[in-house]
Amino acid sequence: MRLKTLIISGFRNLKPLKLNFSDEKNLNVFIGANGQGKTNLLEAIYLLAFSKSFRTSENQDLIGFSEDFCSVEGEFSAKTKESPEGANRDSRLQVIVTKNPPEKGLKINGVSSRSVDFIGHLKAVFFNPDDLEMIHGAPRLRRRYLDLLLLQLNHRYLVDLMDYNALIKQRNALLRQIKAGESSANHLSVWDEKCVPLGYSIVKRRLEALSQIKKKVHQFYTQISQTKEAIDVEYRFSTTDFPANEQKFARMMQDSRSRDIEMRATTIGPHRDDLLFLLDKKPFRNFGSRGQWRSLVLALKFTEIELLQEQSKTEPLLLLDDVFSELDESHQRHLFEAAVGIQTLVTTTHDSFLDLIKDEKSVFKVQNGAITIQ
């Protein structure tokens, strides 16, 4: 997967731009002081991969202050590993957000698309300093890591996840009505019948993926840290144990109704599950140092890259946002060794790390929202 051309207008503080990327140079470096628009650039590309931002859930935030709309368009080429001699398959992806009316439109090769069909065309791995929070932060951060990987590998997973999240939102609305005395608990049966098969399928796919992730994370971690520390990842269910079948899952949801009504939220299901990282069988968040956290997050990103390579038969785009503020020279070296052969876009406030990289690279200057090649 290669980004050939990027066209942006009206997006945050970025000036209208058209960037052409070299086929021969995998590394693209964007250098500028803080607040100049470097992260906005990666956010725009991320938008083409996942149809949403990694910073905000409000689409209107993406539009520049004095603009009525914003547009991000990218032209990509993809060549699968199964047929490396074959011709590249080009595609154009576009995201348009308007202020009035407040709408978001998605297009594939000029044709309007639903997000469920849009996501997955561009495979991407994103890494920024906030990813370190995944180790000890809220469970949603760890679920997001797993979900972003799976939805790029399995379209059925994406469909099920989107449908499930919509159902849980509706079920929670009903729970609030029941708590307020405006509806009956009997109405929950309709939603449970829809939630159960989707929720059960989502967890099964997560467990299947985790069996592959665990082996790779351990291997990458030992390479990066140069230690024999044992790394493991466990899936933690919102219930005591994962039910053996859908019927048991349905009974568990029914048994939780009183608590759900009291809490006004659905308290069991994949939207409440978590991942637990272990260091020599001890919780990583309690016993791991900052340096070990860095090694683990890098191992998780390398795992993400390799699984996308293996299962999608194409190279993902690698987006690195100011990671050098958190990575020492050793971790920087490991990161770029893993990125060999992958088109990489990296932002930084300084160029001192460039001496570590012998590969050909394109260097861009970012200042006051304008991007120029050096």
Protein backbone atom coordinates (compact mmCIF):
# COMPACT_ATOMS: atom_id res chain seq x y z
CA MET A 1 0.00 0.00 0.00
CA ARG A 2 1.47 3.33 -1.05
CA LEU A 3 0.18 6.88 -0.78
CA LYS A 4 0.89 8.55 -4.11
CA THR A 5 -0.91 11.89 -3.81
CA LEU A 6 -2.57 13.74 -0.95
CA ILE A 7 -4.89 16.72 -1.53
CA ILE A 8 -6.20 18.70 1.47
CA SER A 9 -8.33 21.84 1.75
CA GLY A 10 -10.08 23.50 4.69
CA PHE A 11 -8.72 20.97 7.19
CA ARG A 12 -7.90 22.46 10.61
CA ASN A 13 -5.00 24.94 10.27
CA LEU A 14 -3.51 23.36 7.13
CA LYS A 15 -3.18 25.51 4.04
CA PRO A 16 -4.60 23.99 0.84
CA LEU A 17 -2.03 21.50 -0.39
CA LYS A 18 -1.24 18.80 -2.88
CA LEU A 19 1.63 16.49 -1.99
CA ASN A 20 3.14 13.94 -4.33
CA PHE A 21 5.09 11.11 -2.71
CA SER A 22 8.07 9.35 -4.23
CA ASP A 23 7.79 5.70 -5.25
CA GLU A 24 11.47 5.17 -4.47
CA LYS A 25 11.57 6.74 -1.00
CA ASN A 26 9.68 4.95 1.75
CA LEU A 27 10.41 7.47 4.50
CA ASN A 28 8.69 10.87 4.54
CA VAL A 29 9.67 13.20 7.38
CA PHE A 30 7.67 16.29 8.36
CA ILE A 31 9.67 18.71 10.50
CA GLY A 32 8.27 21.72 12.34
CA ALA A 33 7.76 23.33 15.71
CA ASN A 34 4.79 22.40 17.88
CA GLY A 35 1.43 23.77 16.77
CA GLN A 36 2.38 24.16 13.10
CA GLY A 37 0.13 21.41 11.72
CA LYS A 38 2.24 18.24 11.69
CA THR A 39 -0.25 16.14 13.66
CA ASN A 40 -3.10 17.59 11.60
CA LEU A 41 -1.47 16.12 8.49
CA LEU A 42 -1.34 12.61 9.98
CA GLU A 43 -4.87 13.03 11.29
CA ALA A 44 -6.04 13.75 7.73
CA ILE A 45 -4.42 10.54 6.45
CA TYR A 46 -5.81 8.58 9.41
CA LEU A 47 -9.23 9.88 8.39
CA LEU A 48 -8.81 8.21 4.99
CA ALA A 49 -8.05 4.88 6.68
CA PHE A 50 -10.73 4.82 9.40
CA SER A 51 -13.24 7.52 8.32
CA LYS A 52 -12.81 9.26 11.68
CA SER A 53 -10.23 11.17 13.70
CA PHE A 54 -8.03 9.78 16.46
CA ARG A 55 -8.42 13.06 18.36
CA THR A 56 -12.12 13.96 18.31
CA SER A 57 -15.53 12.44 17.72
CA GLU A 58 -16.88 15.80 16.50
CA ASN A 59 -16.53 16.00 12.72
CA GLN A 60 -17.05 19.77 12.81
CA ASP A 61 -13.77 20.14 14.71
CA LEU A 62 -11.95 19.10 11.53
CA ILE A 63 -13.08 22.17 9.59
CA GLY A 64 -10.82 25.22 9.68
CA PHE A 65 -12.10 28.25 11.62
CA SER A 66 -12.94 30.36 8.57
CA GLU A 67 -13.96 27.46 6.31
CA ASP A 68 -17.38 26.07 5.40
CA PHE A 69 -16.10 22.57 4.69
CA CYS A 70 -12.97 20.46 4.59
CA SER A 71 -11.85 17.83 2.11
CA VAL A 72 -9.13 15.17 2.34
CA GLU A 73 -8.39 13.12 -0.77
CA GLY A 74 -5.71 10.50 -1.29
CA GLU A 75 -4.67 8.40 -4.24
CA PHE A 76 -3.21 5.04 -3.32
CA SER A 77 -1.66 2.11 -5.10
CA ALA A 78 -1.81 -1.42 -3.71
CA LYS A 79 0.09 -4.46 -4.86
CA THR A 80 -0.53 -7.74 -3.05
CA LYS A 81 2.34 -10.01 -2.10
CA GLU A 82 0.57 -12.87 -3.82
CA SER A 83 1.13 -11.24 -7.21
CA PRO A 84 4.14 -8.92 -6.86
CA GLU A 85 4.61 -8.85 -10.62
CA GLY A 86 1.06 -7.70 -11.21
CA ALA A 87 -0.01 -4.16 -11.90
CA ASN A 88 -0.72 -1.82 -9.03
CA ARG A 89 -4.38 -1.32 -8.17
CA ASP A 90 -4.97 2.41 -7.78
CA SER A 91 -7.83 3.88 -5.78
CA ARG A 92 -8.95 7.33 -4.65
CA LEU A 93 -10.43 7.89 -1.23
CA GLN A 94 -12.05 11.14 -0.14
CA VAL A 95 -13.62 12.46 3.06
CA ILE A 96 -15.67 15.68 2.96
CA VAL A 97 -17.07 17.35 6.08
CA THR A 98 -19.50 20.28 5.72
CA LYS A 99 -20.44 22.85 8.35
CA ASN A 100 -23.96 23.62 7.15
CA PRO A 101 -25.58 21.18 7.02
CA PRO A 102 -23.25 19.34 9.43
CA GLU A 103 -22.53 16.22 7.39
CA LYS A 104 -19.67 13.88 6.52
CA GLY A 105 -19.42 12.28 3.09
CA LEU A 106 -17.16 9.41 2.00
CA LYS A 107 -16.19 8.57 -1.56
CA ILE A 108 -14.33 5.69 -3.18
CA ASN A 109 -13.14 6.49 -6.70
CA GLY A 110 -15.64 9.35 -6.81
CA VAL A 111 -18.62 7.23 -5.76
CA SER A 112 -20.39 7.90 -2.45
CA SER A 113 -19.77 5.18 0.13
CA ARG A 114 -20.92 4.07 3.57
CA SER A 115 -18.31 3.98 6.31
CA VAL A 116 -18.71 0.21 6.60
CA ASP A 117 -17.56 -0.10 2.98
CA PHE A 118 -14.99 2.72 3.15
CA ILE A 119 -12.96 1.46 6.09
CA GLY A 120 -10.34 -1.11 5.16
CA HIS A 121 -9.40 0.15 1.71
CA LEU A 122 -6.34 1.85 3.21
CA LYS A 123 -4.47 -0.29 5.73
CA ALA A 124 -2.63 1.84 8.29
CA VAL A 125 -0.81 1.58 11.61
CA PHE A 126 -0.70 4.72 13.74
CA PHE A 127 1.66 5.38 16.65
CA ASN A 128 1.98 8.45 18.87
CA PRO A 129 3.14 9.08 22.47
CA ASP A 130 -0.42 8.75 23.77
CA ASP A 131 -0.25 5.04 22.91
CA LEU A 132 1.81 4.53 26.07
CA GLU A 133 -1.40 5.26 27.97
CA MET A 134 -2.79 2.02 26.57
CA ILE A 135 -0.79 0.06 29.16
CA HIS A 136 -2.33 1.64 32.26
CA GLY A 137 -5.19 3.78 30.94
CA ALA A 138 -8.88 3.05 30.47
CA PRO A 139 -9.96 -0.35 29.03
CA ARG A 140 -11.37 1.36 25.92
CA LEU A 141 -7.78 2.15 24.83
CA ARG A 142 -6.84 -1.53 24.84
CA ARG A 143 -10.08 -2.55 23.14
CA ARG A 144 -9.41 0.05 20.47
CA TYR A 145 -6.03 -1.49 19.69
CA LEU A 146 -7.66 -4.86 19.10
CA ASP A 147 -10.62 -3.45 17.18
CA LEU A 148 -8.55 -1.26 14.83
CA LEU A 149 -6.47 -4.28 13.87
CA LEU A 150 -9.41 -6.63 13.40
CA LEU A 151 -11.63 -4.27 11.43
CA GLN A 152 -8.83 -3.88 8.87
CA LEU A 153 -8.48 -7.64 8.54
CA ASN A 154 -12.06 -8.81 8.62
CA HIS A 155 -14.93 -6.90 7.00
CA ARG A 156 -17.48 -9.07 8.81
CA TYR A 157 -15.94 -8.03 12.13
CA LEU A 158 -16.32 -4.37 11.17
CA VAL A 159 -19.99 -4.86 10.23
CA ASP A 160 -20.74 -6.76 13.44
CA LEU A 161 -18.92 -4.22 15.63
CA MET A 162 -20.73 -1.24 14.12
CA ASP A 163 -24.11 -2.97 14.40
CA TYR A 164 -23.39 -4.07 17.97
CA ASN A 165 -22.34 -0.59 19.11
CA ALA A 166 -25.51 0.89 17.57
CA LEU A 167 -27.65 -1.70 19.38
CA ILE A 168 -25.95 -1.08 22.73
CA LYS A 169 -26.58 2.64 22.34
CA GLN A 170 -30.28 1.95 21.76
CA ARG A 171 -30.45 -0.57 24.61
CA ASN A 172 -28.86 1.95 26.99
CA ALA A 173 -31.42 4.56 25.95
CA LEU A 174 -34.16 2.08 26.82
CA LEU A 175 -32.54 1.34 30.18
CA ARG A 176 -32.66 5.04 31.03
CA GLN A 177 -36.34 5.13 30.12
CA ILE A 178 -37.05 2.08 32.29
CA LYS A 179 -35.19 3.63 35.22
CA ALA A 180 -37.28 6.79 34.79
CA GLY A 181 -40.50 4.73 34.75
CA GLU A 182 -41.18 5.57 31.11
CA SER A 183 -40.91 2.02 29.75
CA SER A 184 -41.04 -1.66 30.77
CA ALA A 185 -38.16 -4.09 31.35
CA ASN A 186 -39.99 -6.56 29.13
CA HIS A 187 -38.95 -4.49 26.12
CA LEU A 188 -35.32 -5.46 26.72
CA SER A 189 -35.89 -8.89 25.20
CA VAL A 190 -36.10 -7.44 21.69
CA TRP A 191 -32.69 -5.79 22.00
CA ASP A 192 -31.06 -8.74 23.78
CA GLU A 193 -32.02 -11.08 20.96
CA LYS A 194 -30.09 -8.85 18.58
CA CYS A 195 -27.14 -8.06 20.85
CA VAL A 196 -26.34 -11.61 21.93
CA PRO A 197 -25.26 -13.18 18.59
CA LEU A 198 -23.28 -10.09 17.59
CA GLY A 199 -21.57 -9.77 20.97
CA TYR A 200 -20.73 -13.46 21.06
CA SER A 201 -19.26 -13.34 17.53
CA ILE A 202 -17.15 -10.26 18.34
CA VAL A 203 -15.57 -11.87 21.40
CA LYS A 204 -14.85 -15.11 19.54
CA ARG A 205 -12.99 -13.21 16.82
CA ARG A 206 -11.06 -11.21 19.41
CA LEU A 207 -9.97 -14.40 21.14
CA GLU A 208 -8.86 -15.93 17.84
CA ALA A 209 -6.81 -12.83 17.03
CA LEU A 210 -5.33 -12.70 20.51
CA SER A 211 -3.93 -16.21 20.14
CA GLN A 212 -1.80 -14.89 17.25
CA ILE A 213 -0.99 -11.57 18.90
CA LYS A 214 0.36 -13.15 22.09
CA LYS A 215 3.12 -15.10 20.35
CA LYS A 216 4.26 -12.20 18.22
CA VAL A 217 4.22 -9.65 21.04
CA HIS A 218 6.44 -11.87 23.17
CA GLN A 219 8.91 -12.38 20.31
CA PHE A 220 9.09 -8.69 19.43
CA TYR A 221 9.38 -7.63 23.06
CA THR A 222 12.38 -9.87 23.74
CA GLN A 223 14.08 -8.56 20.58
CA ILE A 224 13.47 -4.92 21.51
CA SER A 225 14.26 -5.15 25.23
CA GLN A 226 17.11 -7.67 24.83
CA THR A 227 15.82 -9.50 27.91
CA LYS A 228 14.26 -12.87 28.66
CA GLU A 229 11.25 -11.32 30.40
CA ALA A 230 8.05 -13.20 29.66
CA ILE A 231 5.27 -11.13 28.10
CA ASP A 232 1.70 -12.38 27.97
CA VAL A 233 -1.69 -10.92 27.12
CA GLU A 234 -4.94 -12.12 28.67
CA TYR A 235 -8.48 -11.32 27.62
CA ARG A 236 -10.60 -10.17 30.55
CA PHE A 237 -14.33 -10.61 30.13
CA SER A 238 -16.92 -8.30 31.60
CA THR A 239 -18.29 -11.49 33.18
CA THR A 240 -16.41 -14.07 35.23
CA ASP A 241 -15.93 -16.39 32.26
CA PHE A 242 -16.80 -16.28 28.59
CA PRO A 243 -20.05 -18.25 28.14
CA ALA A 244 -19.75 -21.57 26.30
CA ASN A 245 -22.50 -20.67 23.82
CA GLU A 246 -24.95 -17.95 22.84
CA GLN A 247 -27.72 -19.41 25.00
CA LYS A 248 -25.63 -19.00 28.16
CA PHE A 249 -24.65 -15.50 27.08
CA ALA A 250 -28.34 -14.66 26.65
CA ARG A 251 -29.11 -15.93 30.17
CA MET A 252 -26.26 -13.86 31.58
CA MET A 253 -27.63 -10.73 29.93
CA GLN A 254 -31.07 -11.48 31.31
CA ASP A 255 -29.64 -12.03 34.81
CA SER A 256 -27.90 -8.65 34.63
CA ARG A 257 -31.05 -6.68 33.80
CA SER A 258 -31.69 -5.40 37.32
CA ARG A 259 -28.12 -4.12 37.57
CA ASP A 260 -28.29 -2.67 34.05
CA ILE A 261 -31.46 -0.76 34.89
CA GLU A 262 -29.94 0.55 38.10
CA MET A 263 -26.75 1.60 36.27
CA ARG A 264 -28.73 2.76 33.20
CA ALA A 265 -26.12 1.02 31.04
CA THR A 266 -25.42 -2.44 29.62
CA THR A 267 -22.85 -3.88 32.00
CA ILE A 268 -21.78 -7.05 30.19
CA GLY A 269 -20.58 -7.65 26.65
CA PRO A 270 -17.53 -6.97 24.45
CA HIS A 271 -17.89 -3.20 24.95
CA ARG A 272 -16.92 -3.80 28.60
CA ASP A 273 -14.12 -6.33 28.09
CA ASP A 274 -10.43 -5.60 28.61
CA LEU A 275 -6.89 -6.80 27.88
CA LEU A 276 -4.39 -7.47 30.66
CA PHE A 277 -0.68 -7.27 29.84
CA LEU A 278 1.57 -9.40 32.01
CA LEU A 279 5.30 -9.09 32.72
CA ASP A 280 6.65 -12.35 34.15
CA LYS A 281 3.05 -13.18 35.13
CA LYS A 282 2.59 -9.86 36.98
CA PRO A 283 0.36 -6.97 35.84
CA PHE A 284 2.46 -4.82 33.52
CA ARG A 285 0.81 -1.59 34.59
CA ASN A 286 1.94 -2.15 38.21
CA PHE A 287 5.40 -3.64 37.72
CA GLY A 288 6.63 -2.33 34.36
CA SER A 289 8.95 0.68 34.12
CA ARG A 290 8.51 3.50 31.61
CA GLY A 291 11.21 1.93 29.45
CA GLN A 292 9.44 -1.43 29.53
CA TRP A 293 6.18 0.28 28.56
CA ARG A 294 7.93 1.70 25.50
CA SER A 295 9.21 -1.74 24.54
CA LEU A 296 5.77 -3.29 24.95
CA VAL A 297 3.97 -0.64 22.89
CA LEU A 298 6.55 -0.99 20.12
CA ALA A 299 6.08 -4.78 20.23
CA LEU A 300 2.32 -4.30 19.89
CA LYS A 301 2.79 -1.98 16.89
CA PHE A 302 5.23 -4.38 15.24
CA THR A 303 2.69 -7.16 15.77
CA GLU A 304 0.02 -5.00 14.15
CA ILE A 305 2.25 -4.39 11.12
CA GLU A 306 3.16 -8.05 10.70
CA LEU A 307 -0.40 -9.35 11.00
CA LEU A 308 -1.61 -6.83 8.42
CA GLN A 309 1.22 -7.90 6.12
CA GLU A 310 0.49 -11.59 6.56
CA GLN A 311 -3.28 -11.56 6.35
CA SER A 312 -4.02 -8.71 3.96
CA LYS A 313 -1.03 -9.57 1.73
CA THR A 314 -0.09 -5.91 1.44
CA GLU A 315 2.07 -3.41 3.31
CA PRO A 316 0.25 -1.01 5.65
CA LEU A 317 0.98 2.69 5.76
CA LEU A 318 2.90 3.59 8.94
CA LEU A 319 2.03 6.91 10.61
CA LEU A 320 4.37 8.07 13.40
CA ASP A 321 3.43 11.21 15.28
CA ASP A 322 6.21 12.78 17.37
CA VAL A 323 7.26 9.40 18.75
CA PHE A 324 10.84 10.54 19.25
CA SER A 325 9.83 12.61 22.26
CA GLU A 326 9.21 9.29 24.05
CA LEU A 327 11.72 6.93 22.39
CA ASP A 328 15.44 6.75 23.15
CA GLU A 329 17.97 5.99 20.41
CA SER A 330 17.72 2.22 20.89
CA HIS A 331 13.93 2.19 20.53
CA GLN A 332 14.14 4.55 17.55
CA ARG A 333 16.53 2.15 15.82
CA HIS A 334 14.21 -0.82 16.42
CA LEU A 335 11.26 1.15 15.11
CA PHE A 336 12.92 1.98 11.80
CA GLU A 337 14.27 -1.53 11.40
CA ALA A 338 10.69 -2.80 11.59
CA ALA A 339 9.58 -0.16 9.08
CA VAL A 340 11.98 -1.24 6.34
CA GLY A 341 10.07 -1.57 3.07
CA ILE A 342 6.99 0.19 4.45
CA GLN A 343 5.95 3.68 3.39
CA THR A 344 6.31 5.71 6.59
CA LEU A 345 5.19 9.25 7.40
CA VAL A 346 6.79 10.64 10.55
CA THR A 347 6.47 14.01 12.27
CA THR A 348 9.14 15.52 14.48
CA THR A 349 10.29 18.84 15.90
CA HIS A 350 13.94 18.12 15.06
CA ASP A 351 15.91 16.16 12.50
CA SER A 352 18.72 14.77 14.65
CA PHE A 353 17.37 11.21 14.39
CA LEU A 354 17.72 11.28 10.60
CA ASP A 355 21.37 10.30 10.95
CA LEU A 356 20.20 6.92 12.23
CA ILE A 357 18.45 6.18 8.95
CA LYS A 358 20.48 5.31 5.88
CA ASP A 359 17.49 4.83 3.56
CA GLU A 360 16.49 7.45 1.01
CA LYS A 361 13.99 9.90 2.46
CA SER A 362 11.87 12.90 1.57
CA VAL A 363 11.95 15.76 4.07
CA PHE A 364 9.15 18.33 4.35
CA LYS A 365 8.99 21.57 6.34
CA VAL A 366 5.77 22.39 8.20
CA GLN A 367 5.23 26.02 9.22
CA ASN A 368 1.98 27.85 9.98
CA GLY A 369 -0.04 25.12 8.25
CA ALA A 370 2.01 25.26 5.04
CA ILE A 371 3.98 22.19 3.94
CA THR A 372 6.92 22.43 1.54
CA ILE A 373 9.49 19.86 0.47
CA GLN A 374 13.12 20.61 1.33
